[in-house]
Amino acid sequence: MELERLQIQFRILTGSSDKAAKMMAQIRQISQTSVFDYKTLSEAAAKLGNTISAVGGDVNQTLPLLQRIQTLALAFDQTTPEALSGKCP
């Protein structure tokens, strides 16, 4: 169910099923070398992509920006799922 919801979110975000599948595959690849799991990265990417889209930005920048945020989270030892969701203290 969770995977279906994310697929729908990415399809709406990217405007196509193919682009959504590619984005999800890229997130899965990132998660293989990340301290954050696939679910956490997917949810963070969906939120970030929606925010970028809402302000008229390029949603293609979602994953590069997510990787930068992940690098900062690691640098500041914020390696919990909350670090990517913005809910950490």
N, C-alpha and C. Protein backbone atom coordinates (compact mmCIF):
# COMPACT_ATOMS: atom_id res chain seq x y z
N MET A 1 0.83 -1.19 0.00
CA MET A 1 0.00 0.00 0.00
C MET A 1 0.87 1.26 0.00
N GLU A 2 1.88 1.25 0.86
CA GLU A 2 2.79 2.40 0.95
C GLU A 2 3.50 2.65 -0.38
N LEU A 3 3.97 1.57 -1.01
CA LEU A 3 4.66 1.69 -2.29
C LEU A 3 3.73 2.25 -3.37
N GLU A 4 2.50 1.82 -3.37
CA GLU A 4 1.51 2.33 -4.32
C GLU A 4 1.30 3.83 -4.14
N ARG A 5 1.19 4.26 -2.89
CA ARG A 5 0.99 5.69 -2.60
C ARG A 5 2.17 6.51 -3.12
N LEU A 6 3.38 6.00 -2.89
CA LEU A 6 4.57 6.71 -3.36
C LEU A 6 4.63 6.74 -4.88
N GLN A 7 4.27 5.64 -5.53
CA GLN A 7 4.25 5.60 -6.99
C GLN A 7 3.30 6.65 -7.54
N ILE A 8 2.14 6.77 -6.93
CA ILE A 8 1.16 7.77 -7.37
C ILE A 8 1.71 9.17 -7.15
N GLN A 9 2.31 9.41 -5.99
CA GLN A 9 2.88 10.73 -5.71
C GLN A 9 3.94 11.10 -6.73
N PHE A 10 4.84 10.16 -7.05
CA PHE A 10 5.90 10.45 -8.01
C PHE A 10 5.35 10.60 -9.43
N ARG A 11 4.31 9.85 -9.76
CA ARG A 11 3.70 9.99 -11.08
C ARG A 11 3.08 11.38 -11.23
N ILE A 12 2.41 11.84 -10.19
CA ILE A 12 1.83 13.19 -10.22
C ILE A 12 2.93 14.23 -10.27
N LEU A 13 3.96 14.04 -9.48
CA LEU A 13 5.07 14.99 -9.39
C LEU A 13 5.80 15.13 -10.73
N THR A 14 6.10 13.99 -11.36
CA THR A 14 6.89 14.01 -12.60
C THR A 14 6.04 14.15 -13.86
N GLY A 15 4.77 13.82 -13.74
CA GLY A 15 3.89 13.92 -14.90
C GLY A 15 3.86 12.69 -15.78
N SER A 16 4.58 11.64 -15.39
CA SER A 16 4.53 10.41 -16.19
C SER A 16 4.92 9.19 -15.36
N SER A 17 4.37 8.06 -15.74
CA SER A 17 4.69 6.81 -15.04
C SER A 17 6.14 6.41 -15.25
N ASP A 18 6.65 6.64 -16.46
CA ASP A 18 8.04 6.28 -16.76
C ASP A 18 9.02 7.10 -15.93
N LYS A 19 8.79 8.41 -15.87
CA LYS A 19 9.68 9.27 -15.08
C LYS A 19 9.59 8.93 -13.60
N ALA A 20 8.39 8.61 -13.16
CA ALA A 20 8.21 8.22 -11.75
C ALA A 20 8.98 6.94 -11.44
N ALA A 21 8.91 5.96 -12.34
CA ALA A 21 9.63 4.71 -12.14
C ALA A 21 11.14 4.94 -12.12
N LYS A 22 11.62 5.82 -12.99
CA LYS A 22 13.05 6.14 -13.02
C LYS A 22 13.48 6.82 -11.72
N MET A 23 12.65 7.74 -11.24
CA MET A 23 12.99 8.44 -10.00
C MET A 23 13.03 7.46 -8.83
N MET A 24 12.06 6.56 -8.77
CA MET A 24 12.03 5.58 -7.69
C MET A 24 13.23 4.63 -7.77
N ALA A 25 13.64 4.28 -8.99
CA ALA A 25 14.81 3.42 -9.16
C ALA A 25 16.07 4.15 -8.70
N GLN A 26 16.16 5.44 -8.98
CA GLN A 26 17.31 6.23 -8.53
C GLN A 26 17.33 6.31 -7.01
N ILE A 27 16.18 6.49 -6.40
CA ILE A 27 16.10 6.54 -4.94
C ILE A 27 16.54 5.20 -4.35
N ARG A 28 16.11 4.11 -4.96
CA ARG A 28 16.51 2.78 -4.48
C ARG A 28 18.03 2.63 -4.57
N GLN A 29 18.61 3.12 -5.66
CA GLN A 29 20.06 3.05 -5.82
C GLN A 29 20.77 3.89 -4.75
N ILE A 30 20.28 5.08 -4.49
CA ILE A 30 20.85 5.95 -3.46
C ILE A 30 20.76 5.26 -2.10
N SER A 31 19.65 4.61 -1.84
CA SER A 31 19.43 3.98 -0.52
C SER A 31 20.41 2.84 -0.24
N GLN A 32 20.97 2.26 -1.29
CA GLN A 32 21.90 1.14 -1.10
C GLN A 32 23.20 1.58 -0.44
N THR A 33 23.56 2.85 -0.57
CA THR A 33 24.80 3.34 0.04
C THR A 33 24.53 4.41 1.09
N SER A 34 23.29 4.55 1.48
CA SER A 34 22.88 5.59 2.42
C SER A 34 22.61 5.01 3.80
N VAL A 35 22.73 5.86 4.80
CA VAL A 35 22.33 5.43 6.15
C VAL A 35 20.80 5.48 6.27
N PHE A 36 20.15 6.14 5.34
CA PHE A 36 18.69 6.22 5.32
C PHE A 36 18.14 5.12 4.44
N ASP A 37 17.04 4.50 4.86
CA ASP A 37 16.46 3.42 4.07
C ASP A 37 15.62 3.97 2.91
N TYR A 38 15.22 3.05 2.04
CA TYR A 38 14.46 3.42 0.83
C TYR A 38 13.17 4.17 1.17
N LYS A 39 12.45 3.67 2.17
CA LYS A 39 11.18 4.31 2.53
C LYS A 39 11.40 5.74 2.99
N THR A 40 12.38 5.95 3.83
CA THR A 40 12.67 7.28 4.35
C THR A 40 13.08 8.23 3.23
N LEU A 41 13.97 7.77 2.35
CA LEU A 41 14.41 8.60 1.23
C LEU A 41 13.26 8.89 0.27
N SER A 42 12.40 7.90 0.02
CA SER A 42 11.26 8.09 -0.89
C SER A 42 10.30 9.13 -0.35
N GLU A 43 9.99 9.02 0.94
CA GLU A 43 9.07 9.98 1.54
C GLU A 43 9.67 11.39 1.54
N ALA A 44 10.96 11.48 1.84
CA ALA A 44 11.63 12.78 1.83
C ALA A 44 11.65 13.36 0.42
N ALA A 45 11.92 12.53 -0.58
CA ALA A 45 11.95 12.99 -1.97
C ALA A 45 10.57 13.47 -2.41
N ALA A 46 9.53 12.77 -2.01
CA ALA A 46 8.16 13.18 -2.37
C ALA A 46 7.83 14.54 -1.76
N LYS A 47 8.16 14.72 -0.49
CA LYS A 47 7.89 16.01 0.17
C LYS A 47 8.71 17.13 -0.46
N LEU A 48 9.99 16.84 -0.69
CA LEU A 48 10.87 17.84 -1.29
C LEU A 48 10.41 18.19 -2.70
N GLY A 49 10.07 17.17 -3.48
CA GLY A 49 9.59 17.41 -4.84
C GLY A 49 8.32 18.22 -4.88
N ASN A 50 7.40 17.94 -3.96
CA ASN A 50 6.16 18.71 -3.89
C ASN A 50 6.43 20.16 -3.53
N THR A 51 7.37 20.38 -2.64
CA THR A 51 7.73 21.75 -2.25
C THR A 51 8.37 22.48 -3.42
N ILE A 52 9.29 21.82 -4.10
CA ILE A 52 9.94 22.44 -5.26
C ILE A 52 8.90 22.79 -6.32
N SER A 53 7.99 21.87 -6.57
CA SER A 53 6.94 22.09 -7.56
C SER A 53 6.03 23.25 -7.16
N ALA A 54 5.70 23.32 -5.87
CA ALA A 54 4.78 24.36 -5.38
C ALA A 54 5.33 25.77 -5.56
N VAL A 55 6.65 25.89 -5.54
CA VAL A 55 7.24 27.22 -5.70
C VAL A 55 7.70 27.46 -7.14
N GLY A 56 7.31 26.56 -8.04
CA GLY A 56 7.61 26.74 -9.46
C GLY A 56 9.01 26.30 -9.85
N GLY A 57 9.64 25.48 -9.02
CA GLY A 57 10.99 25.00 -9.31
C GLY A 57 10.99 23.81 -10.24
N ASP A 58 12.18 23.37 -10.58
CA ASP A 58 12.39 22.23 -11.47
C ASP A 58 12.41 20.94 -10.66
N VAL A 59 11.40 20.11 -10.80
CA VAL A 59 11.33 18.87 -10.02
C VAL A 59 12.47 17.92 -10.35
N ASN A 60 13.16 18.14 -11.45
CA ASN A 60 14.32 17.31 -11.79
C ASN A 60 15.47 17.55 -10.81
N GLN A 61 15.38 18.60 -10.04
CA GLN A 61 16.42 18.91 -9.05
C GLN A 61 16.14 18.24 -7.70
N THR A 62 15.05 17.50 -7.61
CA THR A 62 14.67 16.87 -6.35
C THR A 62 15.75 15.94 -5.82
N LEU A 63 16.21 15.01 -6.64
CA LEU A 63 17.19 14.03 -6.15
C LEU A 63 18.56 14.64 -5.89
N PRO A 64 19.08 15.52 -6.77
CA PRO A 64 20.36 16.16 -6.42
C PRO A 64 20.27 16.94 -5.10
N LEU A 65 19.16 17.62 -4.89
CA LEU A 65 18.99 18.38 -3.65
C LEU A 65 18.85 17.42 -2.45
N LEU A 66 18.13 16.34 -2.63
CA LEU A 66 18.00 15.34 -1.56
C LEU A 66 19.37 14.79 -1.17
N GLN A 67 20.22 14.54 -2.16
CA GLN A 67 21.55 14.03 -1.86
C GLN A 67 22.38 15.07 -1.09
N ARG A 68 22.22 16.34 -1.41
CA ARG A 68 22.93 17.39 -0.66
C ARG A 68 22.43 17.46 0.78
N ILE A 69 21.13 17.36 0.95
CA ILE A 69 20.55 17.38 2.31
C ILE A 69 21.05 16.17 3.10
N GLN A 70 21.10 15.02 2.44
CA GLN A 70 21.59 13.81 3.09
C GLN A 70 23.05 14.01 3.54
N THR A 71 23.87 14.62 2.70
CA THR A 71 25.26 14.89 3.05
C THR A 71 25.36 15.80 4.27
N LEU A 72 24.52 16.83 4.30
CA LEU A 72 24.51 17.73 5.46
C LEU A 72 24.03 17.01 6.72
N ALA A 73 23.03 16.16 6.57
CA ALA A 73 22.53 15.41 7.73
C ALA A 73 23.64 14.53 8.31
N LEU A 74 24.41 13.91 7.44
CA LEU A 74 25.52 13.08 7.89
C LEU A 74 26.60 13.93 8.56
N ALA A 75 26.90 15.08 7.97
CA ALA A 75 27.93 15.96 8.52
C ALA A 75 27.58 16.42 9.93
N PHE A 76 26.30 16.62 10.18
CA PHE A 76 25.86 17.09 11.49
C PHE A 76 25.33 15.96 12.37
N ASP A 77 25.64 14.72 11.97
CA ASP A 77 25.27 13.53 12.73
C ASP A 77 23.76 13.44 12.99
N GLN A 78 22.99 13.82 12.00
CA GLN A 78 21.53 13.73 12.07
C GLN A 78 21.09 12.57 11.18
N THR A 79 21.28 11.36 11.64
CA THR A 79 21.07 10.18 10.79
C THR A 79 19.80 9.41 11.11
N THR A 80 18.83 10.06 11.68
CA THR A 80 17.54 9.43 11.91
C THR A 80 16.58 9.83 10.79
N PRO A 81 15.52 9.07 10.56
CA PRO A 81 14.55 9.46 9.54
C PRO A 81 14.00 10.88 9.77
N GLU A 82 13.93 11.29 11.01
CA GLU A 82 13.42 12.62 11.32
C GLU A 82 14.31 13.72 10.76
N ALA A 83 15.58 13.42 10.58
CA ALA A 83 16.50 14.42 10.03
C ALA A 83 16.10 14.83 8.62
N LEU A 84 15.63 13.89 7.84
CA LEU A 84 15.21 14.22 6.47
C LEU A 84 13.80 14.80 6.42
N SER A 85 13.03 14.57 7.46
CA SER A 85 11.65 15.07 7.44
C SER A 85 11.56 16.46 8.04
N GLY A 86 12.66 16.93 8.63
CA GLY A 86 12.66 18.26 9.24
C GLY A 86 12.10 18.28 10.64
N LYS A 87 11.93 17.12 11.27
CA LYS A 87 11.33 17.04 12.60
C LYS A 87 12.34 16.85 13.72
N CYS A 88 13.63 16.95 13.40
CA CYS A 88 14.63 16.74 14.45
C CYS A 88 14.79 18.03 15.27
N PRO A 89 15.25 17.87 16.51
CA PRO A 89 15.36 19.04 17.40
C PRO A 89 16.44 20.00 16.96
